[in-house]
Amino acid sequence: MTANKIPQDLLIAAKTAWQNAYAPYSKFQVGAALRSSSGVIYSGANVENAAYGLTRCAEQSAIQAMASAGERQFTEIVIYTTATDPATPCGACRQILHEFAADATVFIANAQGVKYIFRVSELLPGAFTAKRLPV
């Protein structure tokens, strides 16, 4: 679904985070900014590592900043890249986003202005939750 009403404050914060991405291996920078349920903006960039499994995505960095500040829920997130086709969150990020806000709005944007909007639950239907485990 195309979205025209991307939150400008989150877009600016995501672009700023994008500038700080550490992506010497993939050369694929990503910035993310989310609004917690209290209204505070937390941002993050992807941070790569020579041991690829230790790489952290921008969405994970933003969630970690929010959780480290003591908050546990967000209402919306903007994910920004300069890719021609805006990049949606990877599977791991979809699960992490779901952990903190299954109903949050996800805006996907790029430098060309292409924008999409999803709910976290649309990006990861049937997400794993501990509540579904047998007792």
C-alpha atoms as a PDB file:
ATOM      1  CA  MET A   1       0.000   0.000   0.000  1.00  0.00           C
ATOM      2  CA  THR A   2       1.420   3.442  -0.852  1.00  0.00           C
ATOM      3  CA  ALA A   3       1.527   6.016   1.908  1.00  0.00           C
ATOM      4  CA  ASN A   4       1.686   9.764   1.511  1.00  0.00           C
ATOM      5  CA  LYS A   5       1.611  10.763   5.166  1.00  0.00           C
ATOM      6  CA  ILE A   6       4.941   9.559   6.429  1.00  0.00           C
ATOM      7  CA  PRO A   7       5.761  11.262   9.757  1.00  0.00           C
ATOM      8  CA  GLN A   8       8.348  13.876   8.820  1.00  0.00           C
ATOM      9  CA  ASP A   9      10.046  13.917  12.232  1.00  0.00           C
ATOM     10  CA  LEU A  10      10.627  10.161  12.000  1.00  0.00           C
ATOM     11  CA  LEU A  11      11.792  10.426   8.383  1.00  0.00           C
ATOM     12  CA  ILE A  12      14.357  13.070   9.340  1.00  0.00           C
ATOM     13  CA  ALA A  13      15.573  10.957  12.270  1.00  0.00           C
ATOM     14  CA  ALA A  14      15.802   7.850  10.055  1.00  0.00           C
ATOM     15  CA  LYS A  15      17.795   9.761   7.409  1.00  0.00           C
ATOM     16  CA  THR A  16      20.158  11.042  10.096  1.00  0.00           C
ATOM     17  CA  ALA A  17      20.635   7.511  11.419  1.00  0.00           C
ATOM     18  CA  TRP A  18      21.206   6.311   7.826  1.00  0.00           C
ATOM     19  CA  GLN A  19      24.127   8.740   7.553  1.00  0.00           C
ATOM     20  CA  ASN A  20      25.687   7.076  10.615  1.00  0.00           C
ATOM     21  CA  ALA A  21      25.325   3.500   9.370  1.00  0.00           C
ATOM     22  CA  TYR A  22      28.474   1.375   9.478  1.00  0.00           C
ATOM     23  CA  ALA A  23      28.277  -0.764   6.341  1.00  0.00           C
ATOM     24  CA  PRO A  24      31.807  -1.289   4.989  1.00  0.00           C
ATOM     25  CA  TYR A  25      31.038  -4.807   3.727  1.00  0.00           C
ATOM     26  CA  SER A  26      27.631  -4.603   2.064  1.00  0.00           C
ATOM     27  CA  LYS A  27      27.734  -0.861   1.324  1.00  0.00           C
ATOM     28  CA  PHE A  28      23.976  -0.997   2.068  1.00  0.00           C
ATOM     29  CA  GLN A  29      23.158   1.659   4.648  1.00  0.00           C
ATOM     30  CA  VAL A  30      19.854   1.598   6.534  1.00  0.00           C
ATOM     31  CA  GLY A  31      18.435   4.042   9.043  1.00  0.00           C
ATOM     32  CA  ALA A  32      15.388   3.558  11.248  1.00  0.00           C
ATOM     33  CA  ALA A  33      13.508   5.758  13.669  1.00  0.00           C
ATOM     34  CA  LEU A  34      10.576   4.776  15.834  1.00  0.00           C
ATOM     35  CA  ARG A  35       8.163   6.593  18.094  1.00  0.00           C
ATOM     36  CA  SER A  36       7.636   4.933  21.443  1.00  0.00           C
ATOM     37  CA  SER A  37       4.192   4.842  22.985  1.00  0.00           C
ATOM     38  CA  SER A  38       5.317   7.723  25.230  1.00  0.00           C
ATOM     39  CA  GLY A  39       6.122   9.808  22.125  1.00  0.00           C
ATOM     40  CA  VAL A  40       9.920   9.671  22.352  1.00  0.00           C
ATOM     41  CA  ILE A  41      11.824   9.074  19.106  1.00  0.00           C
ATOM     42  CA  TYR A  42      14.568   6.429  19.087  1.00  0.00           C
ATOM     43  CA  SER A  43      16.734   5.845  16.047  1.00  0.00           C
ATOM     44  CA  GLY A  44      19.275   3.310  14.884  1.00  0.00           C
ATOM     45  CA  ALA A  45      21.494   2.424  11.959  1.00  0.00           C
ATOM     46  CA  ASN A  46      22.772  -0.878  10.686  1.00  0.00           C
ATOM     47  CA  VAL A  47      26.159  -1.783  12.140  1.00  0.00           C
ATOM     48  CA  GLU A  48      28.071  -4.463  10.266  1.00  0.00           C
ATOM     49  CA  ASN A  49      30.874  -6.664  11.532  1.00  0.00           C
ATOM     50  CA  ALA A  50      33.554  -8.765   9.835  1.00  0.00           C
ATOM     51  CA  ALA A  51      31.929 -11.720  11.621  1.00  0.00           C
ATOM     52  CA  TYR A  52      28.690 -11.290   9.668  1.00  0.00           C
ATOM     53  CA  GLY A  53      26.464 -12.959  12.259  1.00  0.00           C
ATOM     54  CA  LEU A  54      27.259 -10.128  14.652  1.00  0.00           C
ATOM     55  CA  THR A  55      25.808  -7.487  12.327  1.00  0.00           C
ATOM     56  CA  ARG A  56      22.839  -5.520  13.687  1.00  0.00           C
ATOM     57  CA  CYS A  57      20.099  -4.093  11.519  1.00  0.00           C
ATOM     58  CA  ALA A  58      18.848  -0.523  11.869  1.00  0.00           C
ATOM     59  CA  GLU A  59      15.467  -1.696  13.157  1.00  0.00           C
ATOM     60  CA  GLN A  60      17.179  -3.780  15.844  1.00  0.00           C
ATOM     61  CA  SER A  61      19.361  -0.814  16.825  1.00  0.00           C
ATOM     62  CA  ALA A  62      16.307   1.436  17.231  1.00  0.00           C
ATOM     63  CA  ILE A  63      14.455  -1.197  19.278  1.00  0.00           C
ATOM     64  CA  GLN A  64      17.535  -1.733  21.462  1.00  0.00           C
ATOM     65  CA  ALA A  65      17.788   2.021  22.101  1.00  0.00           C
ATOM     66  CA  MET A  66      14.112   2.118  23.091  1.00  0.00           C
ATOM     67  CA  ALA A  67      14.321  -0.949  25.337  1.00  0.00           C
ATOM     68  CA  SER A  68      17.578   0.278  26.905  1.00  0.00           C
ATOM     69  CA  ALA A  69      15.752   3.484  27.853  1.00  0.00           C
ATOM     70  CA  GLY A  70      13.141   1.379  29.663  1.00  0.00           C
ATOM     71  CA  GLU A  71      10.347   1.595  27.114  1.00  0.00           C
ATOM     72  CA  ARG A  72       8.579  -1.508  25.827  1.00  0.00           C
ATOM     73  CA  GLN A  73       6.234  -0.414  23.057  1.00  0.00           C
ATOM     74  CA  PHE A  74       6.260   1.707  19.913  1.00  0.00           C
ATOM     75  CA  THR A  75       3.510   3.016  17.664  1.00  0.00           C
ATOM     76  CA  GLU A  76       5.290   3.653  14.356  1.00  0.00           C
ATOM     77  CA  ILE A  77       8.659   3.220  12.672  1.00  0.00           C
ATOM     78  CA  VAL A  78      10.258   4.646   9.524  1.00  0.00           C
ATOM     79  CA  ILE A  79      12.883   2.569   7.713  1.00  0.00           C
ATOM     80  CA  TYR A  80      15.018   4.514   5.228  1.00  0.00           C
ATOM     81  CA  THR A  81      17.454   3.403   2.509  1.00  0.00           C
ATOM     82  CA  THR A  82      18.612   4.857  -0.780  1.00  0.00           C
ATOM     83  CA  ALA A  83      17.764   1.623  -2.615  1.00  0.00           C
ATOM     84  CA  THR A  84      15.650   2.064  -5.753  1.00  0.00           C
ATOM     85  CA  ASP A  85      13.143  -0.418  -4.353  1.00  0.00           C
ATOM     86  CA  PRO A  86      12.727   0.469  -0.654  1.00  0.00           C
ATOM     87  CA  ALA A  87      13.880  -2.354   1.604  1.00  0.00           C
ATOM     88  CA  THR A  88      11.432  -4.004   3.978  1.00  0.00           C
ATOM     89  CA  PRO A  89      12.673  -5.454   7.283  1.00  0.00           C
ATOM     90  CA  CYS A  90      14.417  -8.828   7.232  1.00  0.00           C
ATOM     91  CA  GLY A  91      12.758 -11.801   8.917  1.00  0.00           C
ATOM     92  CA  ALA A  92      14.666 -11.380  12.179  1.00  0.00           C
ATOM     93  CA  CYS A  93      13.696  -7.708  12.366  1.00  0.00           C
ATOM     94  CA  ARG A  94      10.068  -8.531  11.656  1.00  0.00           C
ATOM     95  CA  GLN A  95      10.056 -10.858  14.662  1.00  0.00           C
ATOM     96  CA  ILE A  96      11.784  -8.274  16.872  1.00  0.00           C
ATOM     97  CA  LEU A  97       9.357  -5.539  15.794  1.00  0.00           C
ATOM     98  CA  HIS A  98       6.463  -7.900  16.531  1.00  0.00           C
ATOM     99  CA  GLU A  99       7.810  -8.512  20.045  1.00  0.00           C
ATOM    100  CA  PHE A 100       7.321  -4.845  20.904  1.00  0.00           C
ATOM    101  CA  ALA A 101       4.334  -3.763  18.778  1.00  0.00           C
ATOM    102  CA  ALA A 102       2.394  -6.127  16.524  1.00  0.00           C
ATOM    103  CA  ASP A 103      -0.036  -3.369  15.553  1.00  0.00           C
ATOM    104  CA  ALA A 104       2.532  -0.618  14.942  1.00  0.00           C
ATOM    105  CA  THR A 105       2.702   1.154  11.597  1.00  0.00           C
ATOM    106  CA  VAL A 106       5.801   0.567   9.447  1.00  0.00           C
ATOM    107  CA  PHE A 107       6.725   3.200   6.856  1.00  0.00           C
ATOM    108  CA  ILE A 108       9.264   2.230   4.189  1.00  0.00           C
ATOM    109  CA  ALA A 109      11.003   5.121   2.386  1.00  0.00           C
ATOM    110  CA  ASN A 110      13.897   5.754   0.031  1.00  0.00           C
ATOM    111  CA  ALA A 111      15.735   8.737  -1.411  1.00  0.00           C
ATOM    112  CA  GLN A 112      13.450   8.828  -4.441  1.00  0.00           C
ATOM    113  CA  GLY A 113      10.475   9.356  -2.158  1.00  0.00           C
ATOM    114  CA  VAL A 114       8.830   5.976  -2.759  1.00  0.00           C
ATOM    115  CA  LYS A 115       6.912   5.091   0.368  1.00  0.00           C
ATOM    116  CA  TYR A 116       4.949   2.098   1.589  1.00  0.00           C
ATOM    117  CA  ILE A 117       2.979   1.491   4.739  1.00  0.00           C
ATOM    118  CA  PHE A 118       2.311  -1.790   6.547  1.00  0.00           C
ATOM    119  CA  ARG A 119       1.341  -3.013   9.991  1.00  0.00           C
ATOM    120  CA  VAL A 120       3.961  -5.147  11.719  1.00  0.00           C
ATOM    121  CA  SER A 121       1.422  -7.978  11.810  1.00  0.00           C
ATOM    122  CA  GLU A 122       1.073  -7.780   8.004  1.00  0.00           C
ATOM    123  CA  LEU A 123       4.821  -8.162   7.576  1.00  0.00           C
ATOM    124  CA  LEU A 124       4.895 -11.227   9.835  1.00  0.00           C
ATOM    125  CA  PRO A 125       1.604 -13.107   9.928  1.00  0.00           C
ATOM    126  CA  GLY A 126       1.634 -15.965  12.402  1.00  0.00           C
ATOM    127  CA  ALA A 127       4.573 -14.538  14.339  1.00  0.00           C
ATOM    128  CA  PHE A 128       6.048 -16.606  17.141  1.00  0.00           C
ATOM    129  CA  THR A 129       4.873 -15.567  20.599  1.00  0.00           C
ATOM    130  CA  ALA A 130       5.615 -17.168  23.939  1.00  0.00           C
ATOM    131  CA  LYS A 131       1.899 -16.942  24.710  1.00  0.00           C
ATOM    132  CA  ARG A 132       1.281 -19.706  22.167  1.00  0.00           C
ATOM    133  CA  LEU A 133       3.517 -22.194  23.937  1.00  0.00           C
ATOM    134  CA  PRO A 134       1.766 -25.039  25.752  1.00  0.00           C
ATOM    135  CA  VAL A 135       1.726 -24.756  29.522  1.00  0.00           C
END
